[in-house]
């Protein structure tokens, strides 16, 4: 970098002349003073260049962040256009929700770019122009989708064919390309500056090594650390970009799988289970209604034949017992169907992200279990938990199920203890719920999240729905749930959810 070069040259160019003067008139005192002066100069140069290299590394990281945000904005605009065209062609609500999600992220992403480029007037002008063009483009998409929703297919496709904002879209694409070109140029300059700083730091360090070996070794170590830090920063940024794409793909696959499961459940309930169950319930009622008449006629026949009616008592008891079994099974099946329908409804419900103090949420859940914990001598210990932006009701359902399970499957020989903690990661928070209960056999760890599956002794009430519901909710939130357990020692559930839940405003069906 020219500034770094001129600064270092100012420090180092007079030195040779000073060396020649000292060799012409040698003297211990002068040599000592000269050595001390060189030591001070080298120390000052090293310190200055270290700070400059650090500043250059931060500038490079900042530029890469701007370029990444611009790329993300380009992806969001393409996703908005693709989802709009998909909705016009198919009319499927999934495309409408996808459009709304992309639209909701477009504004914040553009404002992030504006904040990152606040010190660049030219980029600020491009951001201002892009803001108007994006608003115009999204408004055009919404008009076409509104026509499609209202049933005006000709109008919607006419609007699509006309593509009235093509000029705006072309200009928008040009703006974003120009922004990336400007940032790429800055990246080259700042990378060059960082490289120059590193080179000059090496020169100063080697010069110091020739005068004072210890000082030179220290400067070289600091130089190597800075180089490693810069390389690590580049590597971390590249890994972060790759990991972001991977996470988006994984979350999309998880959400699709969860939605497919919900649709399958709803189909089974509405077509394959409900109808025959209603028939069974009806015929059972008819059999129960005919019971009295049947045994009255049997008694009359026995009386006419001269037989004793006492033999019918056992038959009546068996009949009553069998009828009771049938009614009990019908009631259980009816409860299961209602549970599946409830799970299906939860899968279709939209999330409402708000700021949630997780420490307060868990404290409220603990307070609601105070009576149960007191009777069982149990304890729920809550460590410091963060505030996240998510759906409060969904979080309450998730963690209520986990705490209820810990209480339900506690051991009788030790007092129940549940520890609640959290681990922060970039963009996500992992909540850890660890208990000292019965534990789960390793072969059942995957099955406990399946619908109607339970593990261990079946001595507690339940239908095997709770953890399936928890997993479905966590997946819909774009998170993960895992289980680590040892039989007889306890279980640890880890629930990872986004720190900020994406807005899921999906368009309403006006058809």
Protein backbone atom coordinates (compact mmCIF):
# COMPACT_ATOMS: atom_id res chain seq x y z
CA UNK A 1 0.00 0.00 0.00
CA UNK A 2 1.36 3.44 -0.90
CA UNK A 3 0.66 4.94 2.53
CA UNK A 4 2.37 2.09 4.33
CA UNK A 5 5.25 2.20 1.90
CA UNK A 6 5.85 5.92 2.29
CA UNK A 7 5.52 5.65 6.10
CA UNK A 8 8.07 2.84 6.33
CA UNK A 9 10.41 4.51 3.87
CA UNK A 10 10.35 7.62 6.04
CA UNK A 11 11.55 5.50 8.95
CA UNK A 12 14.15 3.41 7.19
CA UNK A 13 15.70 5.55 4.46
CA UNK A 14 17.79 7.79 6.78
CA UNK A 15 19.31 4.76 8.49
CA UNK A 16 21.95 3.92 5.85
CA UNK A 17 23.24 7.48 5.91
CA UNK A 18 23.44 7.31 9.70
CA UNK A 19 25.28 4.00 9.50
CA UNK A 20 27.88 5.50 7.09
CA UNK A 21 28.38 8.45 9.39
CA UNK A 22 28.95 6.21 12.39
CA UNK A 23 31.42 4.03 10.55
CA UNK A 24 33.34 7.18 9.54
CA UNK A 25 33.52 8.36 13.12
CA UNK A 26 33.17 5.29 15.30
CA UNK A 27 32.65 5.62 19.04
CA UNK A 28 31.09 3.34 21.70
CA UNK A 29 28.71 6.00 22.93
CA UNK A 30 27.56 6.93 19.46
CA UNK A 31 27.21 3.31 18.49
CA UNK A 32 25.20 2.64 21.62
CA UNK A 33 22.99 5.64 20.93
CA UNK A 34 22.64 4.60 17.32
CA UNK A 35 21.75 1.06 18.36
CA UNK A 36 19.24 2.38 20.85
CA UNK A 37 17.77 4.71 18.21
CA UNK A 38 17.52 1.82 15.74
CA UNK A 39 15.92 -0.32 18.43
CA UNK A 40 13.35 2.40 19.16
CA UNK A 41 12.71 2.95 15.46
CA UNK A 42 12.31 -0.76 14.80
CA UNK A 43 10.05 -1.12 17.83
CA UNK A 44 7.92 1.84 16.76
CA UNK A 45 7.78 0.58 13.18
CA UNK A 46 6.83 -2.91 14.28
CA UNK A 47 4.09 -1.70 16.59
CA UNK A 48 2.68 0.66 13.95
CA UNK A 49 2.74 -1.98 11.23
CA UNK A 50 1.12 -4.56 13.50
CA UNK A 51 -1.77 -2.21 14.13
CA UNK A 52 -1.95 -1.38 10.43
CA UNK A 53 -2.02 -5.08 9.48
CA UNK A 54 -4.81 -5.66 11.98
CA UNK A 55 -6.72 -2.70 10.58
CA UNK A 56 -6.17 -3.98 7.04
CA UNK A 57 -7.46 -7.42 8.03
CA UNK A 58 -10.57 -5.83 9.52
CA UNK A 59 -11.07 -3.80 6.33
CA UNK A 60 -10.80 -6.96 4.21
CA UNK A 61 -13.32 -8.75 6.44
CA UNK A 62 -15.66 -5.74 6.23
CA UNK A 63 -15.45 -5.68 2.43
CA UNK A 64 -16.13 -9.41 2.24
CA UNK A 65 -19.16 -8.91 4.49
CA UNK A 66 -20.52 -6.22 2.14
CA UNK A 67 -19.98 -8.47 -0.90
CA UNK A 68 -21.67 -11.37 0.87
CA UNK A 69 -24.69 -9.16 1.73
CA UNK A 70 -24.97 -7.96 -1.89
CA UNK A 71 -24.83 -11.57 -3.10
CA UNK A 72 -27.52 -12.51 -0.58
CA UNK A 73 -29.71 -9.64 -1.85
CA UNK A 74 -29.30 -10.90 -5.42
CA UNK A 75 -30.38 -14.38 -4.32
CA UNK A 76 -33.43 -13.00 -2.48
CA UNK A 77 -34.52 -10.99 -5.54
CA UNK A 78 -34.18 -14.09 -7.76
CA UNK A 79 -36.10 -16.17 -5.20
CA UNK A 80 -38.88 -13.54 -5.14
CA UNK A 81 -39.15 -13.58 -8.91
CA UNK A 82 -39.07 -17.40 -9.09
CA UNK A 83 -41.71 -17.83 -6.37
CA UNK A 84 -43.94 -15.21 -8.04
CA UNK A 85 -43.79 -17.01 -11.36
CA UNK A 86 -44.28 -20.36 -9.66
CA UNK A 87 -47.42 -19.03 -7.94
CA UNK A 88 -48.80 -17.59 -11.19
CA UNK A 89 -48.30 -20.92 -12.96
CA UNK A 90 -49.42 -23.34 -10.22
CA UNK A 91 -51.41 -21.25 -7.74
CA UNK A 92 -49.81 -23.20 -4.86
CA UNK A 93 -49.67 -21.44 -1.49
CA UNK A 94 -46.14 -22.74 -0.92
CA UNK A 95 -44.85 -20.36 -3.59
CA UNK A 96 -46.77 -17.48 -1.99
CA UNK A 97 -45.22 -18.22 1.40
CA UNK A 98 -41.80 -18.55 -0.20
CA UNK A 99 -42.33 -15.14 -1.86
CA UNK A 100 -43.33 -13.54 1.44
CA UNK A 101 -40.30 -15.00 3.21
CA UNK A 102 -37.96 -13.68 0.51
CA UNK A 103 -39.69 -10.30 0.55
CA UNK A 104 -39.42 -10.08 4.35
CA UNK A 105 -35.66 -10.71 4.19
CA UNK A 106 -35.00 -8.35 1.25
CA UNK A 107 -35.57 -5.11 3.18
CA UNK A 108 -33.33 -5.95 6.17
CA UNK A 109 -30.60 -7.21 3.84
CA UNK A 110 -30.66 -3.96 1.85
CA UNK A 111 -30.57 -1.91 5.07
CA UNK A 112 -27.62 -3.99 6.27
CA UNK A 113 -25.79 -3.07 3.05
CA UNK A 114 -26.67 0.59 3.63
CA UNK A 115 -25.28 0.43 7.16
CA UNK A 116 -22.08 -1.34 6.05
CA UNK A 117 -21.43 1.22 3.28
CA UNK A 118 -22.36 4.30 5.30
CA UNK A 119 -18.86 5.73 4.73
CA UNK A 120 -19.11 5.42 0.92
CA UNK A 121 -21.28 8.15 -0.71
CA UNK A 122 -21.29 6.45 -4.12
CA UNK A 123 -22.51 3.17 -2.65
CA UNK A 124 -25.13 5.07 -0.63
CA UNK A 125 -26.51 6.55 -3.87
CA UNK A 126 -26.71 3.08 -5.40
CA UNK A 127 -28.45 1.74 -2.27
CA UNK A 128 -31.02 4.56 -2.42
CA UNK A 129 -31.73 3.87 -6.09
CA UNK A 130 -31.88 0.12 -5.48
CA UNK A 131 -34.35 0.64 -2.62
CA UNK A 132 -36.86 2.30 -4.99
CA UNK A 133 -36.29 -0.27 -7.77
CA UNK A 134 -36.77 -3.21 -5.38
CA UNK A 135 -39.97 -1.68 -4.01
CA UNK A 136 -41.24 -1.21 -7.57
CA UNK A 137 -40.32 -4.77 -8.53
CA UNK A 138 -41.93 -6.35 -5.45
CA UNK A 139 -45.07 -4.26 -5.95
CA UNK A 140 -45.30 -5.58 -9.53
CA UNK A 141 -44.99 -9.16 -8.25
CA UNK A 142 -47.68 -8.58 -5.64
CA UNK A 143 -50.07 -7.14 -8.24
CA UNK A 144 -49.67 -10.18 -10.46
CA UNK A 145 -50.12 -12.56 -7.52
CA UNK A 146 -53.19 -10.64 -6.34
CA UNK A 147 -54.74 -11.04 -9.82
CA UNK A 148 -53.94 -14.78 -9.71
CA UNK A 149 -55.44 -15.11 -6.22
CA UNK A 150 -58.59 -13.27 -7.34
CA UNK A 151 -58.96 -15.76 -10.20
CA UNK A 152 -58.03 -13.30 -12.98
CA UNK A 153 -55.65 -15.66 -14.79
CA UNK A 154 -55.65 -13.65 -18.01
CA UNK A 155 -54.77 -10.48 -16.16
CA UNK A 156 -52.09 -12.21 -14.11
CA UNK A 157 -50.41 -13.84 -17.11
CA UNK A 158 -50.85 -10.68 -19.16
CA UNK A 159 -49.00 -8.81 -16.44
CA UNK A 160 -46.36 -11.55 -16.48
CA UNK A 161 -45.93 -11.35 -20.25
CA UNK A 162 -45.84 -7.58 -20.23
CA UNK A 163 -43.25 -7.62 -17.40
CA UNK A 164 -43.67 -3.90 -16.96
CA UNK A 165 -40.67 -3.51 -14.70
CA UNK A 166 -38.11 -5.26 -16.91
CA UNK A 167 -36.23 -1.98 -17.30
CA UNK A 168 -36.22 -1.55 -13.55
CA UNK A 169 -34.99 -5.11 -13.09
CA UNK A 170 -32.18 -4.56 -15.59
CA UNK A 171 -31.13 -1.37 -13.84
CA UNK A 172 -31.36 -3.12 -10.47
CA UNK A 173 -29.12 -5.93 -11.67
CA UNK A 174 -26.67 -3.37 -13.02
CA UNK A 175 -26.65 -1.53 -9.69
CA UNK A 176 -25.90 -4.67 -7.72
CA UNK A 177 -23.13 -5.66 -10.15
CA UNK A 178 -21.63 -2.16 -9.85
CA UNK A 179 -21.76 -2.39 -6.05
CA UNK A 180 -19.94 -5.73 -6.13
CA UNK A 181 -17.37 -4.35 -8.59
CA UNK A 182 -16.67 -1.38 -6.32
CA UNK A 183 -16.33 -3.66 -3.30
CA UNK A 184 -14.17 -6.07 -5.28
CA UNK A 185 -11.86 -3.21 -6.19
CA UNK A 186 -11.75 -2.17 -2.55
CA UNK A 187 -11.03 -5.78 -1.63
CA UNK A 188 -8.07 -5.87 -4.01
CA UNK A 189 -6.74 -2.57 -2.64
CA UNK A 190 -7.21 -3.60 0.97
CA UNK A 191 -5.76 -7.04 0.35
CA UNK A 192 -2.76 -5.37 -1.28
CA UNK A 193 -2.48 -3.01 1.67
CA UNK A 194 -2.59 -5.95 4.04
CA UNK A 195 0.03 -7.74 1.98
CA UNK A 196 2.27 -4.65 1.92
CA UNK A 197 1.90 -4.23 5.65
CA UNK A 198 2.89 -7.83 6.14
CA UNK A 199 5.89 -7.52 3.83
CA UNK A 200 7.12 -4.36 5.52
CA UNK A 201 6.65 -5.90 8.91
CA UNK A 202 8.85 -8.80 7.79
CA UNK A 203 11.55 -6.38 6.56
CA UNK A 204 11.50 -4.43 9.80
CA UNK A 205 11.60 -7.63 11.81
CA UNK A 206 14.59 -9.01 9.88
CA UNK A 207 16.38 -5.67 10.28
CA UNK A 208 15.75 -5.80 14.00
CA UNK A 209 17.05 -9.37 14.07
CA UNK A 210 20.38 -8.13 12.62
CA UNK A 211 20.71 -5.54 15.44
CA UNK A 212 19.04 -7.26 18.37
CA UNK A 213 18.36 -10.96 17.89
CA UNK A 214 15.74 -11.19 20.64
CA UNK A 215 13.80 -8.20 19.29
CA UNK A 216 13.92 -9.64 15.79
CA UNK A 217 12.62 -13.01 16.99
CA UNK A 218 9.74 -11.34 18.80
CA UNK A 219 8.85 -9.23 15.77
CA UNK A 220 8.96 -12.30 13.52
CA UNK A 221 6.65 -14.19 15.89
CA UNK A 222 4.16 -11.32 15.88
CA UNK A 223 4.40 -11.15 12.10
CA UNK A 224 3.65 -14.85 11.74
CA UNK A 225 0.72 -14.52 14.12
CA UNK A 226 -0.74 -11.73 12.02
CA UNK A 227 -0.33 -13.76 8.83
CA UNK A 228 -2.00 -16.76 10.44
CA UNK A 229 -4.82 -14.55 11.76
CA UNK A 230 -5.42 -13.12 8.28
CA UNK A 231 -5.45 -16.57 6.68
CA UNK A 232 -7.74 -17.86 9.41
CA UNK A 233 -10.12 -14.94 8.83
CA UNK A 234 -10.30 -15.74 5.11
CA UNK A 235 -10.80 -19.42 5.85
CA UNK A 236 -13.54 -18.74 8.38
CA UNK A 237 -15.41 -16.47 5.97
CA UNK A 238 -15.27 -19.08 3.22
CA UNK A 239 -16.36 -21.81 5.62
CA UNK A 240 -19.19 -19.60 6.89
CA UNK A 241 -20.50 -19.07 3.36
CA UNK A 242 -20.39 -22.80 2.60
CA UNK A 243 -21.99 -23.67 5.94
CA UNK A 244 -24.77 -21.13 5.34
CA UNK A 245 -25.72 -22.77 2.03
CA UNK A 246 -25.58 -26.21 3.65
CA UNK A 247 -27.81 -25.13 6.53
CA UNK A 248 -30.35 -23.57 4.20
CA UNK A 249 -30.51 -26.81 2.20
CA UNK A 250 -30.82 -28.92 5.35
CA UNK A 251 -33.56 -26.73 6.84
CA UNK A 252 -35.46 -26.77 3.54
CA UNK A 253 -35.29 -30.57 3.39
CA UNK A 254 -36.37 -30.87 7.03
CA UNK A 255 -39.33 -28.56 6.51
CA UNK A 256 -40.41 -30.46 3.41
CA UNK A 257 -40.19 -33.76 5.26
CA UNK A 258 -42.21 -32.39 8.18
CA UNK A 259 -44.89 -30.98 5.88
CA UNK A 260 -45.12 -34.27 4.00
CA UNK A 261 -45.60 -36.13 7.28
CA UNK A 262 -48.36 -33.75 8.36
CA UNK A 263 -50.16 -34.10 5.04
CA UNK A 264 -49.90 -37.88 5.28
CA UNK A 265 -51.32 -37.85 8.81
CA UNK A 266 -54.20 -35.62 7.79
CA UNK A 267 -55.03 -37.90 4.86
CA UNK A 268 -55.03 -41.02 7.00
CA UNK A 269 -57.26 -39.42 9.63
CA UNK A 270 -59.79 -37.97 7.21
CA UNK A 271 -60.07 -40.94 4.83
CA UNK A 272 -58.79 -44.18 6.33
CA UNK A 273 -59.49 -43.93 10.05
CA UNK A 274 -62.38 -41.61 10.77
CA UNK A 275 -64.97 -43.24 8.49
CA UNK A 276 -64.59 -46.86 9.68
CA UNK A 277 -64.33 -45.69 13.29
CA UNK A 278 -67.66 -43.87 13.00
CA UNK A 279 -69.22 -47.05 11.60
CA UNK A 280 -67.81 -49.13 14.44
CA UNK A 281 -69.09 -46.65 17.01
CA UNK A 282 -72.56 -46.73 15.41
CA UNK A 283 -72.80 -50.51 15.26
CA UNK A 284 -71.48 -50.79 18.82
CA UNK A 285 -74.28 -48.50 19.99
CA UNK A 286 -76.80 -50.63 18.11
CA UNK A 287 -75.45 -53.83 19.65
CA UNK A 288 -75.64 -52.24 23.10
CA UNK A 289 -79.21 -51.14 22.41
CA UNK A 290 -80.18 -54.67 21.25
CA UNK A 291 -78.56 -56.29 24.27
CA UNK A 292 -81.64 -56.06 26.52
CA UNK A 293 -84.02 -57.29 23.86
CA UNK A 294 -81.71 -60.17 22.96
CA UNK A 295 -81.43 -61.49 26.52
CA UNK A 296 -85.17 -60.97 27.15
CA UNK A 297 -85.99 -63.18 24.17
CA UNK A 298 -83.43 -65.75 25.26
CA UNK A 299 -85.01 -65.84 28.71
CA UNK A 300 -88.47 -66.34 27.14
CA UNK A 301 -87.22 -69.19 24.99
CA UNK A 302 -85.57 -70.84 27.99
CA UNK A 303 -88.79 -70.45 29.96
CA UNK A 304 -90.79 -72.09 27.14
CA UNK A 305 -88.26 -74.91 26.97
CA UNK A 306 -88.28 -75.35 30.73
CA UNK A 307 -84.55 -74.50 31.14
CA UNK A 308 -83.16 -72.59 34.11
CA UNK A 309 -82.24 -68.95 33.26
CA UNK A 310 -79.22 -68.93 35.62
CA UNK A 311 -76.91 -70.10 32.82
CA UNK A 312 -77.47 -66.82 31.00
CA UNK A 313 -75.80 -64.79 33.75
CA UNK A 314 -72.28 -65.82 32.71
CA UNK A 315 -73.12 -65.17 29.07
CA UNK A 316 -74.40 -61.71 29.95
CA UNK A 317 -71.23 -60.95 31.92
CA UNK A 318 -69.03 -62.10 29.02
CA UNK A 319 -71.12 -60.06 26.62
CA UNK A 320 -70.81 -56.97 28.83
CA UNK A 321 -67.05 -57.45 29.17
CA UNK A 322 -66.54 -57.84 25.43
CA UNK A 323 -68.67 -54.78 24.76
CA UNK A 324 -66.62 -52.82 27.31
CA UNK A 325 -63.37 -53.81 25.58
CA UNK A 326 -64.77 -52.64 22.24
CA UNK A 327 -65.89 -49.28 23.65
CA UNK A 328 -62.54 -48.76 25.39
CA UNK A 329 -60.66 -49.45 22.16
CA UNK A 330 -62.97 -47.11 20.25
CA UNK A 331 -62.37 -44.32 22.76
CA UNK A 332 -58.60 -44.82 22.59
CA UNK A 333 -58.66 -44.77 18.79
CA UNK A 334 -60.78 -41.62 18.88
CA UNK A 335 -58.25 -39.92 21.18
CA UNK A 336 -55.42 -40.89 18.84
CA UNK A 337 -57.26 -39.47 15.84
CA UNK A 338 -57.92 -36.21 17.67
CA UNK A 339 -54.23 -36.05 18.62
CA UNK A 340 -53.19 -36.50 14.98
CA UNK A 341 -55.61 -33.81 13.89
CA UNK A 342 -54.19 -31.49 16.54
CA UNK A 343 -50.67 -32.24 15.26
CA UNK A 344 -51.82 -31.50 11.71
CA UNK A 345 -53.36 -28.20 12.79
CA UNK A 346 -50.14 -27.23 14.57
CA UNK A 347 -48.24 -27.94 11.36
CA UNK A 348 -50.39 -25.44 9.46
CA UNK A 349 -50.36 -22.70 12.10
CA UNK A 350 -48.20 -19.66 11.37
CA UNK A 351 -45.49 -18.62 13.79
CA UNK A 352 -45.57 -15.15 15.38
CA UNK A 353 -41.99 -14.16 16.28
CA UNK A 354 -41.63 -11.94 19.37
CA UNK A 355 -38.82 -11.26 21.84
CA UNK A 356 -38.87 -14.12 24.35
CA UNK A 357 -36.89 -14.04 27.60
CA UNK A 358 -36.09 -17.75 27.86
CA UNK A 359 -35.09 -17.49 31.51
CA UNK A 360 -38.52 -16.08 32.35
CA UNK A 361 -40.25 -18.65 30.14
CA UNK A 362 -38.61 -21.56 31.94
CA UNK A 363 -39.29 -19.92 35.32
CA UNK A 364 -42.99 -19.75 34.44
CA UNK A 365 -43.01 -23.41 33.39
CA UNK A 366 -41.28 -24.35 36.65
CA UNK A 367 -43.84 -22.35 38.65
CA UNK A 368 -46.69 -24.19 36.92
CA UNK A 369 -45.16 -27.50 38.14
CA UNK A 370 -44.46 -26.32 41.70
CA UNK A 371 -47.08 -28.56 43.31
CA UNK A 372 -45.90 -31.68 41.44
CA UNK A 373 -42.24 -30.95 42.18
CA UNK A 374 -42.98 -30.38 45.85
CA UNK A 375 -44.80 -33.69 46.18
CA UNK A 376 -42.02 -35.59 44.39
CA UNK A 377 -39.17 -33.69 46.11
CA UNK A 378 -37.92 -32.56 42.68
CA UNK A 379 -35.98 -29.52 41.51
CA UNK A 380 -35.55 -27.64 38.22
CA UNK A 381 -32.32 -25.58 38.10
CA UNK A 382 -32.26 -22.84 35.47
CA UNK A 383 -28.98 -21.21 34.44
CA UNK A 384 -28.65 -17.86 32.67
CA UNK A 385 -30.59 -18.04 29.39
CA UNK A 386 -30.64 -15.56 26.48
CA UNK A 387 -33.44 -13.53 24.93
CA UNK A 388 -34.36 -14.77 21.45
CA UNK A 389 -36.89 -13.76 18.82
CA UNK A 390 -39.24 -16.67 18.26
CA UNK A 391 -42.81 -17.96 18.65
CA UNK A 392 -43.63 -18.00 22.38
CA UNK A 393 -46.44 -20.57 22.17
CA UNK A 394 -44.33 -23.02 20.15
CA UNK A 395 -41.45 -22.72 22.63
CA UNK A 396 -43.82 -23.29 25.56
CA UNK A 397 -45.21 -26.42 23.90
CA UNK A 398 -41.73 -27.78 23.14
CA UNK A 399 -40.25 -27.30 26.60
CA UNK A 400 -43.45 -28.15 28.48
CA UNK A 401 -43.38 -31.56 26.81
CA UNK A 402 -39.72 -32.09 27.70
CA UNK A 403 -40.18 -31.05 31.34
CA UNK A 404 -43.35 -33.16 31.65
CA UNK A 405 -41.45 -36.16 30.28
CA UNK A 406 -38.64 -35.60 32.80
CA UNK A 407 -41.20 -35.56 35.62
CA UNK A 408 -43.22 -38.48 34.24
CA UNK A 409 -40.23 -40.79 33.75
CA UNK A 410 -38.31 -39.95 36.92
CA UNK A 411 -36.71 -42.62 39.08
CA UNK A 412 -38.30 -43.56 42.37
CA UNK A 413 -34.99 -44.06 44.19
CA UNK A 414 -33.59 -40.51 43.76
CA UNK A 415 -35.16 -37.02 43.87
CA UNK A 416 -35.80 -35.60 40.42
CA UNK A 417 -33.35 -32.95 39.21
CA UNK A 418 -33.55 -31.14 35.87
CA UNK A 419 -30.79 -28.73 34.75
CA UNK A 420 -31.63 -26.18 32.06
CA UNK A 421 -28.80 -24.33 30.29
CA UNK A 422 -27.98 -22.80 26.89
CA UNK A 423 -25.05 -22.70 24.47
CA UNK A 424 -24.72 -19.75 22.08
CA UNK A 425 -23.52 -20.30 18.51
CA UNK A 426 -23.55 -17.85 15.56
CA UNK A 427 -27.20 -17.42 14.61
CA UNK A 428 -28.47 -20.28 16.79
CA UNK A 429 -29.01 -21.11 20.46
CA UNK A 430 -28.91 -24.66 21.83
CA UNK A 431 -31.01 -25.28 24.95
CA UNK A 432 -29.91 -28.25 27.05
CA UNK A 433 -32.44 -30.02 29.30
CA UNK A 434 -30.69 -32.71 31.38
CA UNK A 435 -32.46 -34.92 33.95
CA UNK A 436 -31.49 -37.79 36.24
CA UNK A 437 -34.46 -39.98 35.36
CA UNK A 438 -34.80 -43.49 34.01
CA UNK A 439 -32.92 -42.86 30.80
CA UNK A 440 -33.61 -44.40 27.41
CA UNK A 441 -32.19 -47.57 25.94
CA UNK A 442 -29.81 -46.81 23.01
CA UNK A 443 -31.93 -48.82 20.57
CA UNK A 444 -34.95 -46.63 21.36
CA UNK A 445 -33.34 -43.19 21.02
CA UNK A 446 -34.47 -42.71 17.45
CA UNK A 447 -37.87 -44.32 17.97
CA UNK A 448 -39.00 -42.02 20.76
CA UNK A 449 -39.39 -39.19 18.23
CA UNK A 450 -41.67 -41.30 16.03
CA UNK A 451 -45.43 -40.99 16.26
CA UNK A 452 -47.10 -43.50 18.64
CA UNK A 453 -43.70 -44.92 19.69
CA UNK A 454 -42.67 -45.16 23.37
CA UNK A 455 -39.74 -46.78 25.15
CA UNK A 456 -39.17 -48.58 28.42
CA UNK A 457 -41.85 -49.71 30.83
CA UNK A 458 -45.33 -48.64 29.79
CA UNK A 459 -46.41 -47.74 33.31
CA UNK A 460 -47.13 -44.07 32.62
CA UNK A 461 -50.12 -42.65 30.70
CA UNK A 462 -49.46 -41.44 27.18
CA UNK A 463 -50.05 -42.11 23.51
CA UNK A 464 -46.50 -41.61 22.14
CA UNK A 465 -47.31 -38.26 20.56
CA UNK A 466 -45.47 -35.67 22.70
CA UNK A 467 -41.91 -36.04 21.35
CA UNK A 468 -43.17 -36.42 17.76
CA UNK A 469 -44.97 -33.12 18.24
CA UNK A 470 -41.83 -31.55 19.71
CA UNK A 471 -39.68 -32.67 16.78
CA UNK A 472 -42.23 -31.39 14.24
CA UNK A 473 -42.32 -27.96 15.92
CA UNK A 474 -38.53 -27.72 16.17
CA UNK A 475 -38.12 -28.64 12.52
CA UNK A 476 -40.71 -26.08 11.45
CA UNK A 477 -38.71 -23.45 13.32
CA UNK A 478 -35.61 -24.41 11.31
CA UNK A 479 -33.94 -26.14 14.24
CA UNK A 480 -32.76 -29.54 15.40
CA UNK A 481 -33.42 -31.75 18.44
CA UNK A 482 -31.11 -34.51 19.65
CA UNK A 483 -31.05 -36.96 22.54
CA UNK A 484 -28.20 -38.32 24.64
CA UNK A 485 -29.21 -40.81 27.31
CA UNK A 486 -27.93 -43.61 29.50
CA UNK A 487 -30.32 -46.20 30.79
CA UNK A 488 -30.81 -45.75 34.52
CA UNK A 489 -28.81 -42.49 34.66
CA UNK A 490 -30.88 -39.86 32.88
CA UNK A 491 -31.48 -38.14 29.56
CA UNK A 492 -30.24 -34.95 27.93
CA UNK A 493 -32.28 -33.27 25.20
CA UNK A 494 -30.59 -30.59 23.08
CA UNK A 495 -32.90 -28.24 21.20
CA UNK A 496 -31.21 -25.94 18.69
CA UNK A 497 -33.35 -23.07 17.34
CA UNK A 498 -32.55 -19.88 15.40
CA UNK A 499 -31.79 -16.82 17.51
CA UNK A 500 -34.14 -14.90 15.20
CA UNK A 501 -37.03 -16.91 13.79
CA UNK A 502 -37.68 -15.99 10.11
CA UNK A 503 -41.02 -14.25 9.63
CA UNK A 504 -43.63 -16.64 8.24
CA UNK A 505 -46.34 -14.28 7.08
CA UNK A 506 -47.69 -16.41 4.20
CA UNK A 507 -50.44 -14.84 2.08
CA UNK A 508 -54.02 -15.60 3.06
CA UNK A 509 -56.21 -17.57 0.68
CA UNK A 510 -58.78 -15.16 -0.75
CA UNK A 511 -60.21 -17.65 -3.20
